[in-house]
Each structure stands twice: as structure tokens, then as C-alpha cells.
Amino acid sequence: MSLLDGLESLGLGNLEKVDVVGKEEEKEVKPRVAERKVAEKQPKPEETEESYVYTKEYECPVCDNHFKATVVKTGKARLIKQDKDLRPIYKGVDSIKYDVVLCNRCGYAVLSKYYGPLPKPHKELLIKNIASNYRPMKEPELLYSYEEALLRFKLALVNAVCRQAKDSEKALICLRTAWLVRGMKENFNDISFEEEYTEEKLAQMEEEYLKDAYELFIKARQGETPPIAGMNDITLDYLLAVLSIQFEKYEDAAKLLTGIISSTTAGSAQKDKARDLILELKAKLKQRK
């Protein structure tokens, strides 16, 4: 299964098999340090998803088309909790569904975090590889379905690959796509999905997106200057430790977590989270024996 399956319907079938990660020799993960805080927002209770979003107008940096996309209102949704891999869970809305800005005329898609002017060489690459073949998808309503959101994420990923974006940007797209698929899994019994999406397939998709995110974040950590994808060193190292445990890279996880605990810049809450993760790591190592 390709992470980009489904692009053929948009005229981009030739890009379904592109190499997202750029495979190379595996490198050791070394600990690093920094700090990050997650701010909680206070919304009004008992509101529908429509009340958390609105349409925003954009100008496409590739084809100059003016278009609208649905975005989540800043400060509207209240953060309930975070998954261990930093996925935010808000009351009333799955904000991940609205992370991608898409021009449905030329197929330019990007995480809203990275929306902005494009260098001329990047624009030319997208015109050649995306816009020249793109077939517009059905225009969505105000609220995006999970299937529509997933297709938008795949477009954002193939756009990033085609314009040779940084590893950190591709990593963040893969991570957030995994979060989106997790949302699909959690709502599997409450929402009618297309027949191709079974619980087993969604679990496999989430795993594959997380694995590519892990590999790309390691490459970004070794080749880019912090902050990486908006994360400082401590936050990124914690995320990599979580993913290292998931993919049984236990030695790498131990090094990262030890680095966080011994850091002079990490906050007490961050060190406590790292200690909790070390306990989980020890339990897994014990089960392995």
C-alpha cells in the first residue's frame, strides 16, 4: 500500500509511488535539549462543529487563483488532552481535518502552517508535476469529511515531495496524517466510511505514516536548525522517543529520554513526562526478555 494511494482520481496517478522519505543509511539518534509549552484554550461549551470553523480566502501562489478553505477559529476550541505523540484533542472539533489549504484549480496543497509565497523554482516544479495533470476534486462543504481531509493531506505530501520541501515539513505532514487516520479509527463506528476503509487498513495506514514521520524527523534533526517544524529540541526529542518505543528502537529512546531528564533547559513537567516514558520503556524491555 502506498501512502499516496487515491491520487489517480485527481490525475496524479504517476505520483502515487514517489519516495517520500528518501531512504538512506540508518543513523543513530543522539539526545538534544530545549523546551515547549502547550497552551489551553477556553471555548464555549456544547457547541456544534460548525461553530468552531469558518471559511478563509486565499490567493494561490502557483496559479494566482482566489479560493476559500475552511479553518478552525483561533482560540475557539478547548484542548482536552494530548496523545503521547503530541496529537492534540479538542472539544467539539477534530482540528486536524482542517490543517491543509488546497487550491482546487491547480492542485497546490500545503499545511496552513507553511502557506505563503513560493520561490520561482518551487512554483515551476509544481506547475510541471502537479498543475499540468491535476483534475479538480469535488468542492467540499463547510465541514470536511475524514475522507476529503485525507485526500487533501495526500496532496499536501506529494506537493511537498515535488517541490523538494524540507524533511521537517514532510515529516510534519506524515505525522498529522497519522493523527487524522487515528481520528478516523476512533470514529469508525459512528461515521459511515467508504468500503475501502476498514479498521485493519486504517491501523496499517497510521503505522506507515508514523514510520515515515519518524524517519523524516530523524533526518531533519540531523540536518536542520531548530526549531524544527515549530518544535524545539526537547519537544522533538520527546516525540522521537515516543516513536522510537513504538518502533522498538529502545536504545535510541533511552538516549533521548536520558538527555531530556539531564537537560538544564527542560521544564519539570517535561522531565516528569520523560520519566513516565522511561518506566514504559523498562516494562517493554522486561516483556522482551
C-alpha atoms as a PDB file:
ATOM      1  CA  MET A   1       0.000   0.000   0.000  1.00  0.00           C
ATOM      2  CA  SER A   2       1.283   3.436  -0.938  1.00  0.00           C
ATOM      3  CA  LEU A   3       0.820   6.400   1.385  1.00  0.00           C
ATOM      4  CA  LEU A   4      -0.388   8.334  -1.657  1.00  0.00           C
ATOM      5  CA  ASP A   5      -2.996   5.869  -2.941  1.00  0.00           C
ATOM      6  CA  GLY A   6      -6.029   7.714  -4.310  1.00  0.00           C
ATOM      7  CA  LEU A   7      -4.242  10.464  -6.227  1.00  0.00           C
ATOM      8  CA  GLU A   8      -5.051   8.747  -9.527  1.00  0.00           C
ATOM      9  CA  SER A   9      -8.609  10.109  -9.260  1.00  0.00           C
ATOM     10  CA  LEU A  10      -7.102  13.609  -9.360  1.00  0.00           C
ATOM     11  CA  GLY A  11      -4.949  12.928 -12.417  1.00  0.00           C
ATOM     12  CA  LEU A  12      -1.806  12.329 -10.369  1.00  0.00           C
ATOM     13  CA  GLY A  13      -1.547   8.544 -10.502  1.00  0.00           C
ATOM     14  CA  ASN A  14       2.050   8.830 -11.738  1.00  0.00           C
ATOM     15  CA  LEU A  15       2.973  10.323  -8.346  1.00  0.00           C
ATOM     16  CA  GLU A  16       1.416   7.658  -6.111  1.00  0.00           C
ATOM     17  CA  LYS A  17       4.720   5.771  -5.798  1.00  0.00           C
ATOM     18  CA  VAL A  18       7.120   8.685  -5.207  1.00  0.00           C
ATOM     19  CA  ASP A  19       9.708   8.207  -2.459  1.00  0.00           C
ATOM     20  CA  VAL A  20       8.517  10.370   0.427  1.00  0.00           C
ATOM     21  CA  VAL A  21      11.343   9.755   2.890  1.00  0.00           C
ATOM     22  CA  GLY A  22      14.364   9.458   0.604  1.00  0.00           C
ATOM     23  CA  LYS A  23      15.802   6.255   2.039  1.00  0.00           C
ATOM     24  CA  GLU A  24      19.381   6.283   3.260  1.00  0.00           C
ATOM     25  CA  GLU A  25      21.573   4.522   5.802  1.00  0.00           C
ATOM     26  CA  GLU A  26      20.038   4.482   9.291  1.00  0.00           C
ATOM     27  CA  LYS A  27      21.747   6.865  11.715  1.00  0.00           C
ATOM     28  CA  GLU A  28      21.967   6.879  15.485  1.00  0.00           C
ATOM     29  CA  VAL A  29      19.630   9.223  17.322  1.00  0.00           C
ATOM     30  CA  LYS A  30      21.509  11.459  19.758  1.00  0.00           C
ATOM     31  CA  PRO A  31      19.866  13.383  22.613  1.00  0.00           C
ATOM     32  CA  ARG A  32      19.361  17.130  22.469  1.00  0.00           C
ATOM     33  CA  VAL A  33      17.570  19.699  24.609  1.00  0.00           C
ATOM     34  CA  ALA A  34      15.069  22.629  24.682  1.00  0.00           C
ATOM     35  CA  GLU A  35      11.570  23.497  25.917  1.00  0.00           C
ATOM     36  CA  ARG A  36       7.970  23.918  24.790  1.00  0.00           C
ATOM     37  CA  LYS A  37       4.645  24.568  26.471  1.00  0.00           C
ATOM     38  CA  VAL A  38       1.123  23.652  25.328  1.00  0.00           C
ATOM     39  CA  ALA A  39      -1.436  26.377  25.980  1.00  0.00           C
ATOM     40  CA  GLU A  40      -5.044  25.500  26.765  1.00  0.00           C
ATOM     41  CA  LYS A  41      -7.879  27.486  25.224  1.00  0.00           C
ATOM     42  CA  GLN A  42     -11.249  28.189  26.820  1.00  0.00           C
ATOM     43  CA  PRO A  43     -14.269  27.776  24.471  1.00  0.00           C
ATOM     44  CA  LYS A  44     -17.981  27.999  24.970  1.00  0.00           C
ATOM     45  CA  PRO A  45     -19.366  24.549  25.894  1.00  0.00           C
ATOM     46  CA  GLU A  46     -21.847  22.393  23.986  1.00  0.00           C
ATOM     47  CA  GLU A  47     -21.349  23.844  20.507  1.00  0.00           C
ATOM     48  CA  THR A  48     -21.562  22.106  17.123  1.00  0.00           C
ATOM     49  CA  GLU A  49     -18.560  21.625  14.832  1.00  0.00           C
ATOM     50  CA  GLU A  50     -19.842  24.410  12.555  1.00  0.00           C
ATOM     51  CA  SER A  51     -19.370  26.928  15.351  1.00  0.00           C
ATOM     52  CA  TYR A  52     -15.655  26.166  15.549  1.00  0.00           C
ATOM     53  CA  VAL A  53     -14.791  26.844  11.887  1.00  0.00           C
ATOM     54  CA  TYR A  54     -15.140  29.493   9.193  1.00  0.00           C
ATOM     55  CA  THR A  55     -14.101  29.988   5.565  1.00  0.00           C
ATOM     56  CA  LYS A  56     -10.978  31.979   4.835  1.00  0.00           C
ATOM     57  CA  GLU A  57      -9.940  33.356   1.445  1.00  0.00           C
ATOM     58  CA  TYR A  58      -6.511  32.623  -0.025  1.00  0.00           C
ATOM     59  CA  GLU A  59      -4.591  33.502  -3.168  1.00  0.00           C
ATOM     60  CA  CYS A  60      -2.792  30.541  -4.723  1.00  0.00           C
ATOM     61  CA  PRO A  61       0.977  31.170  -5.049  1.00  0.00           C
ATOM     62  CA  VAL A  62       1.102  28.810  -8.037  1.00  0.00           C
ATOM     63  CA  CYS A  63      -1.818  29.869 -10.283  1.00  0.00           C
ATOM     64  CA  ASP A  64      -2.960  33.150  -8.609  1.00  0.00           C
ATOM     65  CA  ASN A  65      -6.466  31.729  -8.174  1.00  0.00           C
ATOM     66  CA  HIS A  66      -8.537  33.153  -5.319  1.00  0.00           C
ATOM     67  CA  PHE A  67     -10.169  30.354  -3.329  1.00  0.00           C
ATOM     68  CA  LYS A  68     -11.624  29.599   0.079  1.00  0.00           C
ATOM     69  CA  ALA A  69     -10.768  26.952   2.639  1.00  0.00           C
ATOM     70  CA  THR A  70     -12.269  26.006   5.987  1.00  0.00           C
ATOM     71  CA  VAL A  71     -10.137  26.815   9.016  1.00  0.00           C
ATOM     72  CA  VAL A  72     -10.606  26.458  12.770  1.00  0.00           C
ATOM     73  CA  LYS A  73     -11.232  29.676  14.653  1.00  0.00           C
ATOM     74  CA  THR A  74      -8.199  30.708  16.665  1.00  0.00           C
ATOM     75  CA  GLY A  75      -8.762  30.222  20.383  1.00  0.00           C
ATOM     76  CA  LYS A  76     -12.240  28.771  19.900  1.00  0.00           C
ATOM     77  CA  ALA A  77     -11.710  25.097  20.664  1.00  0.00           C
ATOM     78  CA  ARG A  78     -10.596  23.910  24.111  1.00  0.00           C
ATOM     79  CA  LEU A  79      -7.691  21.473  24.300  1.00  0.00           C
ATOM     80  CA  ILE A  80      -8.860  18.425  26.267  1.00  0.00           C
ATOM     81  CA  LYS A  81      -5.677  16.356  26.184  1.00  0.00           C
ATOM     82  CA  GLN A  82      -2.724  15.242  24.077  1.00  0.00           C
ATOM     83  CA  ASP A  83      -1.821  11.775  22.896  1.00  0.00           C
ATOM     84  CA  LYS A  84       1.707  10.678  23.742  1.00  0.00           C
ATOM     85  CA  ASP A  85       2.891  11.592  20.242  1.00  0.00           C
ATOM     86  CA  LEU A  86       1.579  15.160  20.770  1.00  0.00           C
ATOM     87  CA  ARG A  87      -1.670  14.815  18.834  1.00  0.00           C
ATOM     88  CA  PRO A  88      -3.997  17.497  20.237  1.00  0.00           C
ATOM     89  CA  ILE A  89      -7.588  16.527  21.051  1.00  0.00           C
ATOM     90  CA  TYR A  90     -10.066  19.399  21.181  1.00  0.00           C
ATOM     91  CA  LYS A  91     -13.634  19.501  22.371  1.00  0.00           C
ATOM     92  CA  GLY A  92     -16.168  19.798  19.560  1.00  0.00           C
ATOM     93  CA  VAL A  93     -13.877  19.578  16.540  1.00  0.00           C
ATOM     94  CA  ASP A  94     -11.067  17.463  15.120  1.00  0.00           C
ATOM     95  CA  SER A  95      -8.859  20.376  14.094  1.00  0.00           C
ATOM     96  CA  ILE A  96      -6.555  18.107  12.084  1.00  0.00           C
ATOM     97  CA  LYS A  97      -9.217  17.820   9.348  1.00  0.00           C
ATOM     98  CA  TYR A  98      -8.721  21.499   8.520  1.00  0.00           C
ATOM     99  CA  ASP A  99      -4.913  21.611   8.514  1.00  0.00           C
ATOM    100  CA  VAL A 100      -4.451  21.604   4.721  1.00  0.00           C
ATOM    101  CA  VAL A 101      -5.040  24.566   2.405  1.00  0.00           C
ATOM    102  CA  LEU A 102      -5.878  23.417  -1.145  1.00  0.00           C
ATOM    103  CA  CYS A 103      -6.271  25.319  -4.400  1.00  0.00           C
ATOM    104  CA  ASN A 104      -8.683  23.102  -6.291  1.00  0.00           C
ATOM    105  CA  ARG A 105      -7.840  24.739  -9.624  1.00  0.00           C
ATOM    106  CA  CYS A 106      -4.183  23.667  -9.852  1.00  0.00           C
ATOM    107  CA  GLY A 107      -3.829  21.127  -7.028  1.00  0.00           C
ATOM    108  CA  TYR A 108      -1.472  23.151  -4.853  1.00  0.00           C
ATOM    109  CA  ALA A 109      -1.853  21.899  -1.281  1.00  0.00           C
ATOM    110  CA  VAL A 110       0.103  22.764   1.841  1.00  0.00           C
ATOM    111  CA  LEU A 111      -0.236  22.678   5.608  1.00  0.00           C
ATOM    112  CA  SER A 112      -1.660  26.021   6.695  1.00  0.00           C
ATOM    113  CA  LYS A 113       1.459  26.442   8.837  1.00  0.00           C
ATOM    114  CA  TYR A 114       3.560  26.668   5.657  1.00  0.00           C
ATOM    115  CA  TYR A 115       1.184  28.647   3.447  1.00  0.00           C
ATOM    116  CA  GLY A 116       2.837  31.654   1.813  1.00  0.00           C
ATOM    117  CA  PRO A 117       4.833  32.848  -1.237  1.00  0.00           C
ATOM    118  CA  LEU A 118       6.794  30.239  -3.154  1.00  0.00           C
ATOM    119  CA  PRO A 119      10.257  30.594  -4.695  1.00  0.00           C
ATOM    120  CA  LYS A 120      10.094  30.577  -8.501  1.00  0.00           C
ATOM    121  CA  PRO A 121      11.866  27.169  -8.831  1.00  0.00           C
ATOM    122  CA  HIS A 122       9.320  25.574  -6.464  1.00  0.00           C
ATOM    123  CA  LYS A 123       6.443  27.103  -8.391  1.00  0.00           C
ATOM    124  CA  GLU A 124       7.836  25.754 -11.666  1.00  0.00           C
ATOM    125  CA  LEU A 125       8.189  22.269 -10.189  1.00  0.00           C
ATOM    126  CA  LEU A 126       4.574  22.287  -9.043  1.00  0.00           C
ATOM    127  CA  ILE A 127       3.272  23.535 -12.396  1.00  0.00           C
ATOM    128  CA  LYS A 128       5.198  20.778 -14.163  1.00  0.00           C
ATOM    129  CA  ASN A 129       4.417  17.894 -11.803  1.00  0.00           C
ATOM    130  CA  ILE A 130       1.040  18.788 -10.249  1.00  0.00           C
ATOM    131  CA  ALA A 131      -0.902  21.538 -12.035  1.00  0.00           C
ATOM    132  CA  SER A 132      -0.333  20.173 -15.550  1.00  0.00           C
ATOM    133  CA  ASN A 133      -2.120  16.913 -14.658  1.00  0.00           C
ATOM    134  CA  TYR A 134      -4.457  17.862 -11.825  1.00  0.00           C
ATOM    135  CA  ARG A 135      -8.176  17.135 -12.070  1.00  0.00           C
ATOM    136  CA  PRO A 136     -10.219  19.102  -9.502  1.00  0.00           C
ATOM    137  CA  MET A 137     -11.896  17.145  -6.749  1.00  0.00           C
ATOM    138  CA  LYS A 138     -15.474  17.730  -5.705  1.00  0.00           C
ATOM    139  CA  GLU A 139     -15.758  21.045  -3.874  1.00  0.00           C
ATOM    140  CA  PRO A 140     -16.280  20.313  -0.160  1.00  0.00           C
ATOM    141  CA  GLU A 141     -18.930  21.790   2.082  1.00  0.00           C
ATOM    142  CA  LEU A 142     -18.024  23.944   5.075  1.00  0.00           C
ATOM    143  CA  LEU A 143     -17.261  20.816   7.111  1.00  0.00           C
ATOM    144  CA  TYR A 144     -14.755  18.362   5.635  1.00  0.00           C
ATOM    145  CA  SER A 145     -15.328  14.640   5.863  1.00  0.00           C
ATOM    146  CA  TYR A 146     -12.409  12.497   7.019  1.00  0.00           C
ATOM    147  CA  GLU A 147     -12.061  11.062   3.509  1.00  0.00           C
ATOM    148  CA  GLU A 148     -11.854  14.548   1.972  1.00  0.00           C
ATOM    149  CA  ALA A 149      -9.354  15.621   4.605  1.00  0.00           C
ATOM    150  CA  LEU A 150      -7.207  12.536   3.990  1.00  0.00           C
ATOM    151  CA  LEU A 151      -7.074  13.231   0.250  1.00  0.00           C
ATOM    152  CA  ARG A 152      -6.057  16.821   0.976  1.00  0.00           C
ATOM    153  CA  PHE A 153      -3.230  15.564   3.192  1.00  0.00           C
ATOM    154  CA  LYS A 154      -2.025  13.222   0.454  1.00  0.00           C
ATOM    155  CA  LEU A 155      -1.997  16.164  -1.945  1.00  0.00           C
ATOM    156  CA  ALA A 156      -0.017  18.226   0.561  1.00  0.00           C
ATOM    157  CA  LEU A 157       2.526  15.424   0.896  1.00  0.00           C
ATOM    158  CA  VAL A 158       3.000  14.898  -2.827  1.00  0.00           C
ATOM    159  CA  ASN A 159       3.251  18.690  -3.291  1.00  0.00           C
ATOM    160  CA  ALA A 160       5.984  18.799  -0.638  1.00  0.00           C
ATOM    161  CA  VAL A 161       7.883  15.975  -2.336  1.00  0.00           C
ATOM    162  CA  CYS A 162       7.588  17.559  -5.790  1.00  0.00           C
ATOM    163  CA  ARG A 163       8.826  20.986  -4.665  1.00  0.00           C
ATOM    164  CA  GLN A 164      11.635  19.385  -2.640  1.00  0.00           C
ATOM    165  CA  ALA A 165      10.444  20.686   0.720  1.00  0.00           C
ATOM    166  CA  LYS A 166      12.498  20.224   3.876  1.00  0.00           C
ATOM    167  CA  ASP A 167      12.411  16.857   5.604  1.00  0.00           C
ATOM    168  CA  SER A 168      10.799  18.531   8.622  1.00  0.00           C
ATOM    169  CA  GLU A 169       7.818  19.709   6.554  1.00  0.00           C
ATOM    170  CA  LYS A 170       7.295  16.269   5.029  1.00  0.00           C
ATOM    171  CA  ALA A 171       7.669  14.728   8.488  1.00  0.00           C
ATOM    172  CA  LEU A 172       5.004  17.008   9.944  1.00  0.00           C
ATOM    173  CA  ILE A 173       2.603  16.179   7.110  1.00  0.00           C
ATOM    174  CA  CYS A 174       3.115  12.453   7.730  1.00  0.00           C
ATOM    175  CA  LEU A 175       2.667  12.878  11.491  1.00  0.00           C
ATOM    176  CA  ARG A 176      -0.535  14.880  11.134  1.00  0.00           C
ATOM    177  CA  THR A 177      -1.865  12.448   8.523  1.00  0.00           C
ATOM    178  CA  ALA A 178      -1.312   9.656  11.050  1.00  0.00           C
ATOM    179  CA  TRP A 179      -3.257  11.729  13.595  1.00  0.00           C
ATOM    180  CA  LEU A 180      -6.077  12.188  11.059  1.00  0.00           C
ATOM    181  CA  VAL A 181      -6.231   8.444  10.390  1.00  0.00           C
ATOM    182  CA  ARG A 182      -6.332   7.853  14.161  1.00  0.00           C
ATOM    183  CA  GLY A 183      -9.350  10.140  14.291  1.00  0.00           C
ATOM    184  CA  MET A 184     -10.955   8.003  11.592  1.00  0.00           C
ATOM    185  CA  LYS A 185     -10.286   4.888  13.673  1.00  0.00           C
ATOM    186  CA  GLU A 186     -11.764   6.451  16.790  1.00  0.00           C
ATOM    187  CA  ASN A 187     -14.924   7.430  14.894  1.00  0.00           C
ATOM    188  CA  PHE A 188     -15.162   4.213  12.869  1.00  0.00           C
ATOM    189  CA  ASN A 189     -18.388   3.021  14.487  1.00  0.00           C
ATOM    190  CA  ASP A 190     -20.051   6.443  14.411  1.00  0.00           C
ATOM    191  CA  ILE A 191     -19.320   7.544  10.822  1.00  0.00           C
ATOM    192  CA  SER A 192     -20.087   5.756   7.553  1.00  0.00           C
ATOM    193  CA  PHE A 193     -16.765   5.486   5.696  1.00  0.00           C
ATOM    194  CA  GLU A 194     -16.137   4.266   2.166  1.00  0.00           C
ATOM    195  CA  GLU A 195     -15.841   0.479   1.897  1.00  0.00           C
ATOM    196  CA  GLU A 196     -12.076   0.631   1.286  1.00  0.00           C
ATOM    197  CA  TYR A 197     -11.509   1.931   4.824  1.00  0.00           C
ATOM    198  CA  THR A 198     -11.575  -0.987   7.229  1.00  0.00           C
ATOM    199  CA  GLU A 199     -10.309  -0.785  10.802  1.00  0.00           C
ATOM    200  CA  GLU A 200      -7.406  -3.043   9.842  1.00  0.00           C
ATOM    201  CA  LYS A 201      -6.434  -0.861   6.874  1.00  0.00           C
ATOM    202  CA  LEU A 202      -6.668   2.326   8.941  1.00  0.00           C
ATOM    203  CA  ALA A 203      -4.395   0.815  11.597  1.00  0.00           C
ATOM    204  CA  GLN A 204      -1.879  -0.105   8.905  1.00  0.00           C
ATOM    205  CA  MET A 205      -2.069   3.376   7.365  1.00  0.00           C
ATOM    206  CA  GLU A 206      -1.479   5.072  10.713  1.00  0.00           C
ATOM    207  CA  GLU A 207       1.554   2.876  11.352  1.00  0.00           C
ATOM    208  CA  GLU A 208       3.071   3.629   7.930  1.00  0.00           C
ATOM    209  CA  TYR A 209       2.573   7.381   8.209  1.00  0.00           C
ATOM    210  CA  LEU A 210       4.097   7.379  11.698  1.00  0.00           C
ATOM    211  CA  LYS A 211       7.083   5.375  10.488  1.00  0.00           C
ATOM    212  CA  ASP A 212       7.783   7.833   7.673  1.00  0.00           C
ATOM    213  CA  ALA A 213       7.322  10.749  10.080  1.00  0.00           C
ATOM    214  CA  TYR A 214       9.837   9.138  12.439  1.00  0.00           C
ATOM    215  CA  GLU A 215      12.451   8.617   9.742  1.00  0.00           C
ATOM    216  CA  LEU A 216      11.992  12.110   8.317  1.00  0.00           C
ATOM    217  CA  PHE A 217      12.180  13.791  11.732  1.00  0.00           C
ATOM    218  CA  ILE A 218      15.462  11.974  12.414  1.00  0.00           C
ATOM    219  CA  LYS A 219      16.842  13.283   9.126  1.00  0.00           C
ATOM    220  CA  ALA A 220      15.578  16.792   9.889  1.00  0.00           C
ATOM    221  CA  ARG A 221      17.077  16.686  13.386  1.00  0.00           C
ATOM    222  CA  GLN A 222      20.474  15.869  11.928  1.00  0.00           C
ATOM    223  CA  GLY A 223      20.364  18.333   9.049  1.00  0.00           C
ATOM    224  CA  GLU A 224      18.193  21.308  10.021  1.00  0.00           C
ATOM    225  CA  THR A 225      18.476  24.122  12.551  1.00  0.00           C
ATOM    226  CA  PRO A 226      15.906  24.241  15.370  1.00  0.00           C
ATOM    227  CA  PRO A 227      13.086  24.956  15.759  1.00  0.00           C
ATOM    228  CA  ILE A 228      12.141  22.005  13.573  1.00  0.00           C
ATOM    229  CA  ALA A 229       8.530  22.009  12.335  1.00  0.00           C
ATOM    230  CA  GLY A 230       7.802  24.524  15.084  1.00  0.00           C
ATOM    231  CA  MET A 231       9.269  22.272  17.798  1.00  0.00           C
ATOM    232  CA  ASN A 232      12.295  22.997  19.912  1.00  0.00           C
ATOM    233  CA  ASP A 233      14.820  20.328  20.859  1.00  0.00           C
ATOM    234  CA  ILE A 234      13.118  18.970  23.976  1.00  0.00           C
ATOM    235  CA  THR A 235       9.729  18.616  22.295  1.00  0.00           C
ATOM    236  CA  LEU A 236      11.195  16.934  19.221  1.00  0.00           C
ATOM    237  CA  ASP A 237      13.338  14.584  21.298  1.00  0.00           C
ATOM    238  CA  TYR A 238      10.319  13.568  23.360  1.00  0.00           C
ATOM    239  CA  LEU A 239       8.313  12.894  20.188  1.00  0.00           C
ATOM    240  CA  LEU A 240      11.175  10.853  18.741  1.00  0.00           C
ATOM    241  CA  ALA A 241      11.420   8.894  21.995  1.00  0.00           C
ATOM    242  CA  VAL A 242       7.705   8.049  21.819  1.00  0.00           C
ATOM    243  CA  LEU A 243       8.067   6.885  18.217  1.00  0.00           C
ATOM    244  CA  SER A 244      11.319   5.040  18.983  1.00  0.00           C
ATOM    245  CA  ILE A 245       9.474   2.971  21.585  1.00  0.00           C
ATOM    246  CA  GLN A 246       6.615   2.310  19.164  1.00  0.00           C
ATOM    247  CA  PHE A 247       9.041   1.009  16.546  1.00  0.00           C
ATOM    248  CA  GLU A 248      11.130  -0.893  19.104  1.00  0.00           C
ATOM    249  CA  LYS A 249      14.193   1.366  18.816  1.00  0.00           C
ATOM    250  CA  TYR A 250      14.640   1.053  22.546  1.00  0.00           C
ATOM    251  CA  GLU A 251      18.277   2.094  22.765  1.00  0.00           C
ATOM    252  CA  ASP A 252      17.555   5.299  20.853  1.00  0.00           C
ATOM    253  CA  ALA A 253      14.561   6.003  23.087  1.00  0.00           C
ATOM    254  CA  ALA A 254      16.660   5.558  26.239  1.00  0.00           C
ATOM    255  CA  LYS A 255      19.298   8.025  24.990  1.00  0.00           C
ATOM    256  CA  LEU A 256      16.709  10.635  24.096  1.00  0.00           C
ATOM    257  CA  LEU A 257      14.856  10.357  27.394  1.00  0.00           C
ATOM    258  CA  THR A 258      18.077  10.434  29.427  1.00  0.00           C
ATOM    259  CA  GLY A 259      19.038  13.612  27.560  1.00  0.00           C
ATOM    260  CA  ILE A 260      15.726  15.266  28.448  1.00  0.00           C
ATOM    261  CA  ILE A 261      15.967  14.344  32.134  1.00  0.00           C
ATOM    262  CA  SER A 262      19.545  15.618  32.409  1.00  0.00           C
ATOM    263  CA  SER A 263      18.829  18.800  30.462  1.00  0.00           C
ATOM    264  CA  THR A 264      19.183  22.167  32.179  1.00  0.00           C
ATOM    265  CA  THR A 265      16.587  23.738  29.883  1.00  0.00           C
ATOM    266  CA  ALA A 266      13.782  21.177  30.121  1.00  0.00           C
ATOM    267  CA  GLY A 267      10.921  22.076  32.453  1.00  0.00           C
ATOM    268  CA  SER A 268       9.858  19.901  35.379  1.00  0.00           C
ATOM    269  CA  ALA A 269       6.686  18.778  33.570  1.00  0.00           C
ATOM    270  CA  GLN A 270       8.732  17.706  30.561  1.00  0.00           C
ATOM    271  CA  LYS A 271      11.143  15.772  32.743  1.00  0.00           C
ATOM    272  CA  ASP A 272       8.226  14.073  34.515  1.00  0.00           C
ATOM    273  CA  LYS A 273       6.779  13.002  31.150  1.00  0.00           C
ATOM    274  CA  ALA A 274      10.193  11.645  30.168  1.00  0.00           C
ATOM    275  CA  ARG A 275      10.435   9.680  33.436  1.00  0.00           C
ATOM    276  CA  ASP A 276       6.974   8.196  32.829  1.00  0.00           C
ATOM    277  CA  LEU A 277       8.109   7.144  29.385  1.00  0.00           C
ATOM    278  CA  ILE A 278      11.248   5.542  30.811  1.00  0.00           C
ATOM    279  CA  LEU A 279       9.019   3.415  33.062  1.00  0.00           C
ATOM    280  CA  GLU A 280       7.065   2.327  29.979  1.00  0.00           C
ATOM    281  CA  LEU A 281      10.335   1.562  28.205  1.00  0.00           C
ATOM    282  CA  LYS A 282      11.577  -0.568  31.099  1.00  0.00           C
ATOM    283  CA  ALA A 283       8.317  -2.512  31.107  1.00  0.00           C
ATOM    284  CA  LYS A 284       8.649  -3.261  27.408  1.00  0.00           C
ATOM    285  CA  LEU A 285      12.271  -4.359  27.828  1.00  0.00           C
ATOM    286  CA  LYS A 286      11.190  -6.650  30.668  1.00  0.00           C
ATOM    287  CA  GLN A 287       8.498  -8.236  28.479  1.00  0.00           C
ATOM    288  CA  ARG A 288      11.061  -8.765  25.738  1.00  0.00           C
ATOM    289  CA  LYS A 289      13.270 -10.984  27.954  1.00  0.00           C
END
